[in-house]
């Protein structure tokens, strides 16, 4: 599809220079930039971010947790939260 874009002079010069430095045409640079922008927006999660549990450590980064250990920690925290609600 052919289209015409009116770009500010400074932006057009920057784009042409970037295309030359990358050994590509201005058209290819614009296509790549549009694809990147549209893919990035589509990949953004919808809804609220998930809050991950904090695992306290005396020496952060000194220990790797197995999936089983992570499951155990999460189960313990969930059980404690449930018991706190039940006490009310």
C-alpha atoms as a PDB file:
ATOM      1  CA  UNK A   1       0.000   0.000   0.000  1.00  0.00           C
ATOM      2  CA  UNK A   2       1.315   3.418  -0.866  1.00  0.00           C
ATOM      3  CA  UNK A   3       0.858   6.320   1.510  1.00  0.00           C
ATOM      4  CA  UNK A   4       2.291   9.765   2.107  1.00  0.00           C
ATOM      5  CA  UNK A   5       3.600  10.883   5.478  1.00  0.00           C
ATOM      6  CA  UNK A   6       4.256  14.471   6.507  1.00  0.00           C
ATOM      7  CA  UNK A   7       7.124  14.318   8.987  1.00  0.00           C
ATOM      8  CA  UNK A   8       8.816  17.170  10.801  1.00  0.00           C
ATOM      9  CA  UNK A   9      12.099  17.999   9.037  1.00  0.00           C
ATOM     10  CA  UNK A  10      14.247  17.060  12.012  1.00  0.00           C
ATOM     11  CA  UNK A  11      12.538  13.679  12.400  1.00  0.00           C
ATOM     12  CA  UNK A  12      12.804  12.948   8.669  1.00  0.00           C
ATOM     13  CA  UNK A  13      16.547  13.705   8.711  1.00  0.00           C
ATOM     14  CA  UNK A  14      17.054  11.516  11.788  1.00  0.00           C
ATOM     15  CA  UNK A  15      15.125   8.671  10.161  1.00  0.00           C
ATOM     16  CA  UNK A  16      17.107   8.903   6.909  1.00  0.00           C
ATOM     17  CA  UNK A  17      20.381   8.948   8.832  1.00  0.00           C
ATOM     18  CA  UNK A  18      19.317   5.951  10.947  1.00  0.00           C
ATOM     19  CA  UNK A  19      18.357   4.039   7.801  1.00  0.00           C
ATOM     20  CA  UNK A  20      21.730   4.725   6.189  1.00  0.00           C
ATOM     21  CA  UNK A  21      23.592   3.694   9.353  1.00  0.00           C
ATOM     22  CA  UNK A  22      21.625   0.432   9.415  1.00  0.00           C
ATOM     23  CA  UNK A  23      22.187  -0.140   5.711  1.00  0.00           C
ATOM     24  CA  UNK A  24      18.459  -0.188   4.976  1.00  0.00           C
ATOM     25  CA  UNK A  25      15.963   1.875   3.070  1.00  0.00           C
ATOM     26  CA  UNK A  26      13.818   4.509   4.744  1.00  0.00           C
ATOM     27  CA  UNK A  27      10.778   2.386   3.863  1.00  0.00           C
ATOM     28  CA  UNK A  28      12.278  -0.657   5.647  1.00  0.00           C
ATOM     29  CA  UNK A  29      13.113   1.460   8.692  1.00  0.00           C
ATOM     30  CA  UNK A  30       9.544   2.790   8.889  1.00  0.00           C
ATOM     31  CA  UNK A  31       8.081  -0.717   8.462  1.00  0.00           C
ATOM     32  CA  UNK A  32      10.363  -2.116  11.177  1.00  0.00           C
ATOM     33  CA  UNK A  33       9.572   0.760  13.543  1.00  0.00           C
ATOM     34  CA  UNK A  34       5.812   0.387  13.027  1.00  0.00           C
ATOM     35  CA  UNK A  35       5.945  -3.379  13.544  1.00  0.00           C
ATOM     36  CA  UNK A  36       7.986  -2.932  16.705  1.00  0.00           C
ATOM     37  CA  UNK A  37       5.594  -0.319  18.100  1.00  0.00           C
ATOM     38  CA  UNK A  38       2.460  -2.285  17.277  1.00  0.00           C
ATOM     39  CA  UNK A  39       3.886  -5.565  18.630  1.00  0.00           C
ATOM     40  CA  UNK A  40       4.994  -3.855  21.846  1.00  0.00           C
ATOM     41  CA  UNK A  41       1.547  -2.372  22.427  1.00  0.00           C
ATOM     42  CA  UNK A  42      -0.177  -5.695  21.708  1.00  0.00           C
ATOM     43  CA  UNK A  43       2.128  -7.493  24.152  1.00  0.00           C
ATOM     44  CA  UNK A  44       1.333  -5.196  27.077  1.00  0.00           C
ATOM     45  CA  UNK A  45      -0.648  -7.063  29.717  1.00  0.00           C
ATOM     46  CA  UNK A  46      -4.213  -6.016  30.275  1.00  0.00           C
ATOM     47  CA  UNK A  47      -5.473  -5.582  33.789  1.00  0.00           C
ATOM     48  CA  UNK A  48      -3.668  -5.082  37.048  1.00  0.00           C
ATOM     49  CA  UNK A  49      -0.100  -6.292  37.531  1.00  0.00           C
ATOM     50  CA  UNK A  50       0.334  -9.382  39.648  1.00  0.00           C
ATOM     51  CA  UNK A  51       2.043  -8.843  42.984  1.00  0.00           C
ATOM     52  CA  UNK A  52       4.597 -11.573  43.551  1.00  0.00           C
ATOM     53  CA  UNK A  53       5.418 -12.796  47.045  1.00  0.00           C
ATOM     54  CA  UNK A  54       8.578 -11.562  48.707  1.00  0.00           C
ATOM     55  CA  UNK A  55      10.862 -14.307  49.972  1.00  0.00           C
ATOM     56  CA  UNK A  56      12.967 -12.892  52.797  1.00  0.00           C
ATOM     57  CA  UNK A  57      16.626 -13.831  52.956  1.00  0.00           C
ATOM     58  CA  UNK A  58      19.594 -12.880  55.092  1.00  0.00           C
ATOM     59  CA  UNK A  59      21.784 -13.048  51.955  1.00  0.00           C
ATOM     60  CA  UNK A  60      19.688 -12.031  48.933  1.00  0.00           C
ATOM     61  CA  UNK A  61      20.699 -13.801  45.734  1.00  0.00           C
ATOM     62  CA  UNK A  62      22.680 -16.474  47.538  1.00  0.00           C
ATOM     63  CA  UNK A  63      20.125 -19.266  47.157  1.00  0.00           C
ATOM     64  CA  UNK A  64      18.215 -20.734  44.262  1.00  0.00           C
ATOM     65  CA  UNK A  65      14.748 -22.052  44.988  1.00  0.00           C
ATOM     66  CA  UNK A  66      13.340 -25.142  43.347  1.00  0.00           C
ATOM     67  CA  UNK A  67       9.761 -25.106  42.060  1.00  0.00           C
ATOM     68  CA  UNK A  68       8.802 -27.340  44.973  1.00  0.00           C
ATOM     69  CA  UNK A  69      10.246 -24.874  47.495  1.00  0.00           C
ATOM     70  CA  UNK A  70       8.420 -21.982  45.829  1.00  0.00           C
ATOM     71  CA  UNK A  71       5.180 -23.994  45.941  1.00  0.00           C
ATOM     72  CA  UNK A  72       5.725 -24.737  49.635  1.00  0.00           C
ATOM     73  CA  UNK A  73       6.353 -21.061  50.443  1.00  0.00           C
ATOM     74  CA  UNK A  74       3.265 -19.949  48.522  1.00  0.00           C
ATOM     75  CA  UNK A  75       1.096 -22.630  50.169  1.00  0.00           C
ATOM     76  CA  UNK A  76       2.344 -21.585  53.608  1.00  0.00           C
ATOM     77  CA  UNK A  77       1.585 -17.898  52.898  1.00  0.00           C
ATOM     78  CA  UNK A  78      -1.855 -18.739  51.511  1.00  0.00           C
ATOM     79  CA  UNK A  79      -2.636 -20.867  54.576  1.00  0.00           C
ATOM     80  CA  UNK A  80      -1.510 -18.038  56.904  1.00  0.00           C
ATOM     81  CA  UNK A  81      -3.670 -15.514  55.043  1.00  0.00           C
ATOM     82  CA  UNK A  82      -6.677 -17.852  55.193  1.00  0.00           C
ATOM     83  CA  UNK A  83      -6.199 -18.416  58.926  1.00  0.00           C
ATOM     84  CA  UNK A  84      -5.947 -14.663  59.524  1.00  0.00           C
ATOM     85  CA  UNK A  85      -9.303 -14.134  57.800  1.00  0.00           C
ATOM     86  CA  UNK A  86     -10.866 -16.980  59.785  1.00  0.00           C
ATOM     87  CA  UNK A  87      -9.754 -15.383  63.084  1.00  0.00           C
ATOM     88  CA  UNK A  88     -11.742 -12.216  62.375  1.00  0.00           C
END
